[in-house]
Amino acid sequence: MATHNQHKIGELRQILSGLLEAGEVIGAGEAGAPDVAETGVTFAQNALLKARAVAAHTGLIAVADDSGLAVDILGGAPGIFSARWAGRHGDDTANLTLLLEQLADISPEHRRARFVCAAALATPDGAEVVEHGYLPGVLLTEPRGNGGFGYDPILVPDGQHRSCAELSPAEKNAISHRGQAFRALATHLGPLLG
């Protein structure tokens, strides 16, 4: 898994548990692969950059994702900048606080948003596949729940009354953007693993 984010590695292990053993899914750090700069302008471009780099570095099949929150009233922002929306990469609290401040005066009917995930697979011989997943919902005015990470405490998925942070890991993975994208990617991964 072309990431150093332990939350994403844990989710991927759960999502792919029927296909791979937990120990067969390792993070980029465990494989000695360096961080890859996300210089693309789309989720798919960033996911491919990471997967290609880790496949080339390790000689192994690599999967990566780029994901984030797209808020309708903000024209799809924070989008690919979700993890660094407040200026420092990975500061979930600051990102969440800034976004809630930016949306403070926005009425409930205009708080539509969706989590977006592009999951990419790259092999050392150059084969590549990208799949997408989406989790639409409505943004709360304040965080709820202690599970998940990132913007999970403020998105209530369509058909739910709880935020993503109030769902169990199994409930979240069953409907999440990342779960959708990686389950679709698994259909390509299975044949490669023989």
C-alpha atoms as a PDB file:
ATOM      1  CA  MET A   1       0.000   0.000   0.000  1.00  0.00           C
ATOM      2  CA  ALA A   2       1.647   3.180  -1.200  1.00  0.00           C
ATOM      3  CA  THR A   3       0.960   5.205   1.924  1.00  0.00           C
ATOM      4  CA  HIS A   4       2.496   5.956   5.284  1.00  0.00           C
ATOM      5  CA  ASN A   5      -0.990   6.620   6.740  1.00  0.00           C
ATOM      6  CA  GLN A   6      -1.678   3.833   9.247  1.00  0.00           C
ATOM      7  CA  HIS A   7      -5.447   4.547   9.206  1.00  0.00           C
ATOM      8  CA  LYS A   8      -5.581   3.828   5.468  1.00  0.00           C
ATOM      9  CA  ILE A   9      -3.427   0.694   5.801  1.00  0.00           C
ATOM     10  CA  GLY A  10      -5.769  -0.633   8.500  1.00  0.00           C
ATOM     11  CA  GLU A  11      -8.844   0.076   6.384  1.00  0.00           C
ATOM     12  CA  LEU A  12      -7.288  -1.599   3.347  1.00  0.00           C
ATOM     13  CA  ARG A  13      -6.417  -4.691   5.380  1.00  0.00           C
ATOM     14  CA  GLN A  14     -10.055  -4.956   6.452  1.00  0.00           C
ATOM     15  CA  ILE A  15     -11.448  -4.282   2.975  1.00  0.00           C
ATOM     16  CA  LEU A  16      -9.184  -6.860   1.299  1.00  0.00           C
ATOM     17  CA  SER A  17      -9.381  -9.436   4.101  1.00  0.00           C
ATOM     18  CA  GLY A  18     -11.102 -11.982   1.862  1.00  0.00           C
ATOM     19  CA  LEU A  19      -8.353 -11.711  -0.746  1.00  0.00           C
ATOM     20  CA  LEU A  20      -5.188 -11.149   1.261  1.00  0.00           C
ATOM     21  CA  GLU A  21      -3.904 -11.927   4.731  1.00  0.00           C
ATOM     22  CA  ALA A  22      -3.265  -8.844   6.889  1.00  0.00           C
ATOM     23  CA  GLY A  23       0.493  -9.416   6.731  1.00  0.00           C
ATOM     24  CA  GLU A  24       0.411  -9.369   2.942  1.00  0.00           C
ATOM     25  CA  VAL A  25      -0.695  -5.721   2.965  1.00  0.00           C
ATOM     26  CA  ILE A  26       2.222  -3.575   4.062  1.00  0.00           C
ATOM     27  CA  GLY A  27       2.663   0.169   4.057  1.00  0.00           C
ATOM     28  CA  ALA A  28       5.219   2.097   2.054  1.00  0.00           C
ATOM     29  CA  GLY A  29       7.255   2.716   5.203  1.00  0.00           C
ATOM     30  CA  GLU A  30       7.485  -1.007   5.980  1.00  0.00           C
ATOM     31  CA  ALA A  31       8.692  -1.570   2.401  1.00  0.00           C
ATOM     32  CA  GLY A  32      11.335   1.153   2.728  1.00  0.00           C
ATOM     33  CA  ALA A  33       9.663   3.304   0.082  1.00  0.00           C
ATOM     34  CA  PRO A  34       9.885   7.079   0.419  1.00  0.00           C
ATOM     35  CA  ASP A  35       6.929   9.457   0.551  1.00  0.00           C
ATOM     36  CA  VAL A  36       5.768  10.528  -2.894  1.00  0.00           C
ATOM     37  CA  ALA A  37       4.831  14.151  -3.588  1.00  0.00           C
ATOM     38  CA  GLU A  38       1.202  14.502  -4.637  1.00  0.00           C
ATOM     39  CA  THR A  39       1.757  16.829  -7.589  1.00  0.00           C
ATOM     40  CA  GLY A  40      -1.243  15.717  -9.663  1.00  0.00           C
ATOM     41  CA  VAL A  41      -4.342  17.843 -10.086  1.00  0.00           C
ATOM     42  CA  THR A  42      -6.843  14.996  -9.675  1.00  0.00           C
ATOM     43  CA  PHE A  43      -7.325  12.194  -7.178  1.00  0.00           C
ATOM     44  CA  ALA A  44      -6.542   9.646  -9.919  1.00  0.00           C
ATOM     45  CA  GLN A  45      -3.284  11.351 -10.922  1.00  0.00           C
ATOM     46  CA  ASN A  46      -2.067  11.444  -7.319  1.00  0.00           C
ATOM     47  CA  ALA A  47      -3.006   7.814  -6.680  1.00  0.00           C
ATOM     48  CA  LEU A  48      -1.133   6.715  -9.812  1.00  0.00           C
ATOM     49  CA  LEU A  49       1.947   8.765  -8.887  1.00  0.00           C
ATOM     50  CA  LYS A  50       2.163   6.968  -5.548  1.00  0.00           C
ATOM     51  CA  ALA A  51       1.405   3.467  -6.885  1.00  0.00           C
ATOM     52  CA  ARG A  52       3.940   3.798  -9.733  1.00  0.00           C
ATOM     53  CA  ALA A  53       6.693   5.054  -7.436  1.00  0.00           C
ATOM     54  CA  VAL A  54       6.223   2.295  -4.861  1.00  0.00           C
ATOM     55  CA  ALA A  55       5.982  -0.451  -7.519  1.00  0.00           C
ATOM     56  CA  ALA A  56       9.211   0.826  -9.086  1.00  0.00           C
ATOM     57  CA  HIS A  57      10.966   1.108  -5.705  1.00  0.00           C
ATOM     58  CA  THR A  58       9.913  -2.296  -4.339  1.00  0.00           C
ATOM     59  CA  GLY A  59       9.427  -4.445  -7.432  1.00  0.00           C
ATOM     60  CA  LEU A  60       6.049  -5.440  -5.955  1.00  0.00           C
ATOM     61  CA  ILE A  61       2.450  -4.796  -6.946  1.00  0.00           C
ATOM     62  CA  ALA A  62       1.507  -1.485  -5.360  1.00  0.00           C
ATOM     63  CA  VAL A  63      -1.860   0.019  -4.619  1.00  0.00           C
ATOM     64  CA  ALA A  64      -2.471   3.591  -3.579  1.00  0.00           C
ATOM     65  CA  ASP A  65      -5.312   5.954  -3.102  1.00  0.00           C
ATOM     66  CA  ASP A  66      -5.910   9.620  -3.038  1.00  0.00           C
ATOM     67  CA  SER A  67      -9.072  10.657  -1.360  1.00  0.00           C
ATOM     68  CA  GLY A  68     -10.739  13.633   0.160  1.00  0.00           C
ATOM     69  CA  LEU A  69     -13.872  15.597   0.762  1.00  0.00           C
ATOM     70  CA  ALA A  70     -15.614  17.509  -2.031  1.00  0.00           C
ATOM     71  CA  VAL A  71     -18.068  20.135  -0.773  1.00  0.00           C
ATOM     72  CA  ASP A  72     -20.661  21.237  -3.335  1.00  0.00           C
ATOM     73  CA  ILE A  73     -20.978  24.854  -2.177  1.00  0.00           C
ATOM     74  CA  LEU A  74     -17.169  25.187  -2.296  1.00  0.00           C
ATOM     75  CA  GLY A  75     -17.008  23.992  -5.893  1.00  0.00           C
ATOM     76  CA  GLY A  76     -15.565  20.621  -4.874  1.00  0.00           C
ATOM     77  CA  ALA A  77     -12.988  21.969  -2.405  1.00  0.00           C
ATOM     78  CA  PRO A  78     -11.108  20.996  -0.348  1.00  0.00           C
ATOM     79  CA  GLY A  79     -10.807  18.094  -2.831  1.00  0.00           C
ATOM     80  CA  ILE A  80      -7.210  17.010  -3.446  1.00  0.00           C
ATOM     81  CA  PHE A  81      -6.138  19.490  -0.763  1.00  0.00           C
ATOM     82  CA  SER A  82      -8.266  17.854   1.959  1.00  0.00           C
ATOM     83  CA  ALA A  83      -5.339  16.591   4.055  1.00  0.00           C
ATOM     84  CA  ARG A  84      -3.647  20.006   4.034  1.00  0.00           C
ATOM     85  CA  TRP A  85      -6.669  22.329   3.893  1.00  0.00           C
ATOM     86  CA  ALA A  86      -5.542  24.282   6.961  1.00  0.00           C
ATOM     87  CA  GLY A  87      -1.932  24.464   5.752  1.00  0.00           C
ATOM     88  CA  ARG A  88      -0.205  21.554   7.475  1.00  0.00           C
ATOM     89  CA  HIS A  89      -0.539  18.044   6.010  1.00  0.00           C
ATOM     90  CA  GLY A  90      -2.429  15.580   8.170  1.00  0.00           C
ATOM     91  CA  ASP A  91      -3.648  18.015  10.862  1.00  0.00           C
ATOM     92  CA  ASP A  92      -7.177  16.594  11.039  1.00  0.00           C
ATOM     93  CA  THR A  93      -8.322  18.918  13.829  1.00  0.00           C
ATOM     94  CA  ALA A  94      -7.161  22.090  12.072  1.00  0.00           C
ATOM     95  CA  ASN A  95      -8.615  20.961   8.729  1.00  0.00           C
ATOM     96  CA  LEU A  96     -11.966  20.157  10.302  1.00  0.00           C
ATOM     97  CA  THR A  97     -12.068  23.407  12.279  1.00  0.00           C
ATOM     98  CA  LEU A  98     -11.249  25.541   9.238  1.00  0.00           C
ATOM     99  CA  LEU A  99     -13.862  23.837   7.061  1.00  0.00           C
ATOM    100  CA  LEU A 100     -16.563  24.218   9.719  1.00  0.00           C
ATOM    101  CA  GLU A 101     -15.677  27.913  10.062  1.00  0.00           C
ATOM    102  CA  GLN A 102     -15.917  28.362   6.297  1.00  0.00           C
ATOM    103  CA  LEU A 103     -19.365  26.729   6.269  1.00  0.00           C
ATOM    104  CA  ALA A 104     -20.692  28.354   9.458  1.00  0.00           C
ATOM    105  CA  ASP A 105     -23.363  30.420   7.702  1.00  0.00           C
ATOM    106  CA  ILE A 106     -24.392  27.738   5.201  1.00  0.00           C
ATOM    107  CA  SER A 107     -27.901  26.351   5.700  1.00  0.00           C
ATOM    108  CA  PRO A 108     -28.516  22.576   5.893  1.00  0.00           C
ATOM    109  CA  GLU A 109     -29.952  22.304   2.367  1.00  0.00           C
ATOM    110  CA  HIS A 110     -26.671  23.638   0.962  1.00  0.00           C
ATOM    111  CA  ARG A 111     -24.326  21.399   2.979  1.00  0.00           C
ATOM    112  CA  ARG A 112     -24.106  18.550   0.442  1.00  0.00           C
ATOM    113  CA  ALA A 113     -20.696  16.918   0.117  1.00  0.00           C
ATOM    114  CA  ARG A 114     -19.121  13.606  -0.766  1.00  0.00           C
ATOM    115  CA  PHE A 115     -16.024  11.672   0.043  1.00  0.00           C
ATOM    116  CA  VAL A 116     -14.137  10.767  -3.129  1.00  0.00           C
ATOM    117  CA  CYS A 117     -11.506   8.070  -3.565  1.00  0.00           C
ATOM    118  CA  ALA A 118      -9.375   7.128  -6.535  1.00  0.00           C
ATOM    119  CA  ALA A 119      -7.609   3.802  -5.937  1.00  0.00           C
ATOM    120  CA  ALA A 120      -4.758   2.889  -8.254  1.00  0.00           C
ATOM    121  CA  LEU A 121      -2.881  -0.329  -8.881  1.00  0.00           C
ATOM    122  CA  ALA A 122       0.535  -0.400 -10.542  1.00  0.00           C
ATOM    123  CA  THR A 123       2.768  -3.374 -11.295  1.00  0.00           C
ATOM    124  CA  PRO A 124       6.532  -3.314 -11.760  1.00  0.00           C
ATOM    125  CA  ASP A 125       6.029  -4.160 -15.457  1.00  0.00           C
ATOM    126  CA  GLY A 126       3.880  -1.052 -16.036  1.00  0.00           C
ATOM    127  CA  ALA A 127       0.286  -2.308 -15.842  1.00  0.00           C
ATOM    128  CA  GLU A 128      -2.042   0.261 -14.256  1.00  0.00           C
ATOM    129  CA  VAL A 129      -5.692   0.444 -13.224  1.00  0.00           C
ATOM    130  CA  VAL A 130      -7.679   3.162 -11.431  1.00  0.00           C
ATOM    131  CA  GLU A 131     -11.088   2.737  -9.801  1.00  0.00           C
ATOM    132  CA  HIS A 132     -13.239   5.357  -8.066  1.00  0.00           C
ATOM    133  CA  GLY A 133     -15.610   5.368  -5.108  1.00  0.00           C
ATOM    134  CA  TYR A 134     -17.968   8.024  -3.743  1.00  0.00           C
ATOM    135  CA  LEU A 135     -19.802   8.471  -0.443  1.00  0.00           C
ATOM    136  CA  PRO A 136     -22.349  11.297  -0.697  1.00  0.00           C
ATOM    137  CA  GLY A 137     -23.954  12.932   2.298  1.00  0.00           C
ATOM    138  CA  VAL A 138     -24.591  16.097   4.287  1.00  0.00           C
ATOM    139  CA  LEU A 139     -22.152  17.994   6.478  1.00  0.00           C
ATOM    140  CA  LEU A 140     -22.925  18.598  10.143  1.00  0.00           C
ATOM    141  CA  THR A 141     -22.260  21.920  11.889  1.00  0.00           C
ATOM    142  CA  GLU A 142     -20.099  20.252  14.540  1.00  0.00           C
ATOM    143  CA  PRO A 143     -18.191  16.962  14.830  1.00  0.00           C
ATOM    144  CA  ARG A 144     -19.913  13.825  16.127  1.00  0.00           C
ATOM    145  CA  GLY A 145     -18.313  10.505  16.985  1.00  0.00           C
ATOM    146  CA  ASN A 146     -14.880   9.208  17.888  1.00  0.00           C
ATOM    147  CA  GLY A 147     -14.204   6.700  15.112  1.00  0.00           C
ATOM    148  CA  GLY A 148     -12.555   7.117  11.752  1.00  0.00           C
ATOM    149  CA  PHE A 149     -10.296  10.018  10.892  1.00  0.00           C
ATOM    150  CA  GLY A 150     -10.125  13.171   8.817  1.00  0.00           C
ATOM    151  CA  TYR A 151     -13.541  14.605   8.039  1.00  0.00           C
ATOM    152  CA  ASP A 152     -15.447  11.494   9.218  1.00  0.00           C
ATOM    153  CA  PRO A 153     -16.981  13.312  12.244  1.00  0.00           C
ATOM    154  CA  ILE A 154     -18.887  15.793  10.059  1.00  0.00           C
ATOM    155  CA  LEU A 155     -20.237  13.760   7.125  1.00  0.00           C
ATOM    156  CA  VAL A 156     -23.555  11.962   7.553  1.00  0.00           C
ATOM    157  CA  PRO A 157     -23.848   9.574   4.593  1.00  0.00           C
ATOM    158  CA  ASP A 158     -27.080   9.498   2.621  1.00  0.00           C
ATOM    159  CA  GLY A 159     -29.481   7.033   4.252  1.00  0.00           C
ATOM    160  CA  GLN A 160     -27.787   7.333   7.652  1.00  0.00           C
ATOM    161  CA  HIS A 161     -28.476   9.398  10.743  1.00  0.00           C
ATOM    162  CA  ARG A 162     -24.955   8.954  12.146  1.00  0.00           C
ATOM    163  CA  SER A 163     -21.704  10.543  11.029  1.00  0.00           C
ATOM    164  CA  CYS A 164     -18.989   8.348   9.522  1.00  0.00           C
ATOM    165  CA  ALA A 165     -17.167   8.676  12.863  1.00  0.00           C
ATOM    166  CA  GLU A 166     -20.170   7.130  14.631  1.00  0.00           C
ATOM    167  CA  LEU A 167     -20.240   4.063  12.381  1.00  0.00           C
ATOM    168  CA  SER A 168     -18.342   0.909  13.283  1.00  0.00           C
ATOM    169  CA  PRO A 169     -15.313   0.172  11.063  1.00  0.00           C
ATOM    170  CA  ALA A 170     -17.280  -2.633   9.353  1.00  0.00           C
ATOM    171  CA  GLU A 171     -20.282  -0.357   8.716  1.00  0.00           C
ATOM    172  CA  LYS A 172     -18.072   2.381   7.351  1.00  0.00           C
ATOM    173  CA  ASN A 173     -16.040   0.063   5.107  1.00  0.00           C
ATOM    174  CA  ALA A 174     -19.244  -1.421   3.665  1.00  0.00           C
ATOM    175  CA  ILE A 175     -20.354   1.942   2.266  1.00  0.00           C
ATOM    176  CA  SER A 176     -17.240   4.103   2.152  1.00  0.00           C
ATOM    177  CA  HIS A 177     -15.660   5.697  -0.876  1.00  0.00           C
ATOM    178  CA  ARG A 178     -12.417   3.857  -0.128  1.00  0.00           C
ATOM    179  CA  GLY A 179     -14.221   0.551   0.344  1.00  0.00           C
ATOM    180  CA  GLN A 180     -15.991   0.940  -3.002  1.00  0.00           C
ATOM    181  CA  ALA A 181     -12.808   1.872  -4.864  1.00  0.00           C
ATOM    182  CA  PHE A 182     -10.667  -0.865  -3.343  1.00  0.00           C
ATOM    183  CA  ARG A 183     -13.306  -3.570  -3.784  1.00  0.00           C
ATOM    184  CA  ALA A 184     -13.438  -2.605  -7.463  1.00  0.00           C
ATOM    185  CA  LEU A 185      -9.638  -2.620  -7.598  1.00  0.00           C
ATOM    186  CA  ALA A 186      -9.566  -6.069  -5.950  1.00  0.00           C
ATOM    187  CA  THR A 187     -11.214  -7.550  -9.046  1.00  0.00           C
ATOM    188  CA  HIS A 188      -8.050  -6.568 -10.943  1.00  0.00           C
ATOM    189  CA  LEU A 189      -5.692  -7.520  -8.108  1.00  0.00           C
ATOM    190  CA  GLY A 190      -6.984 -11.088  -7.671  1.00  0.00           C
ATOM    191  CA  PRO A 191      -5.853 -12.338 -11.101  1.00  0.00           C
ATOM    192  CA  LEU A 192      -2.413 -10.726 -10.637  1.00  0.00           C
ATOM    193  CA  LEU A 193      -1.893 -12.659  -7.409  1.00  0.00           C
ATOM    194  CA  GLY A 194      -2.752 -15.957  -9.092  1.00  0.00           C
END
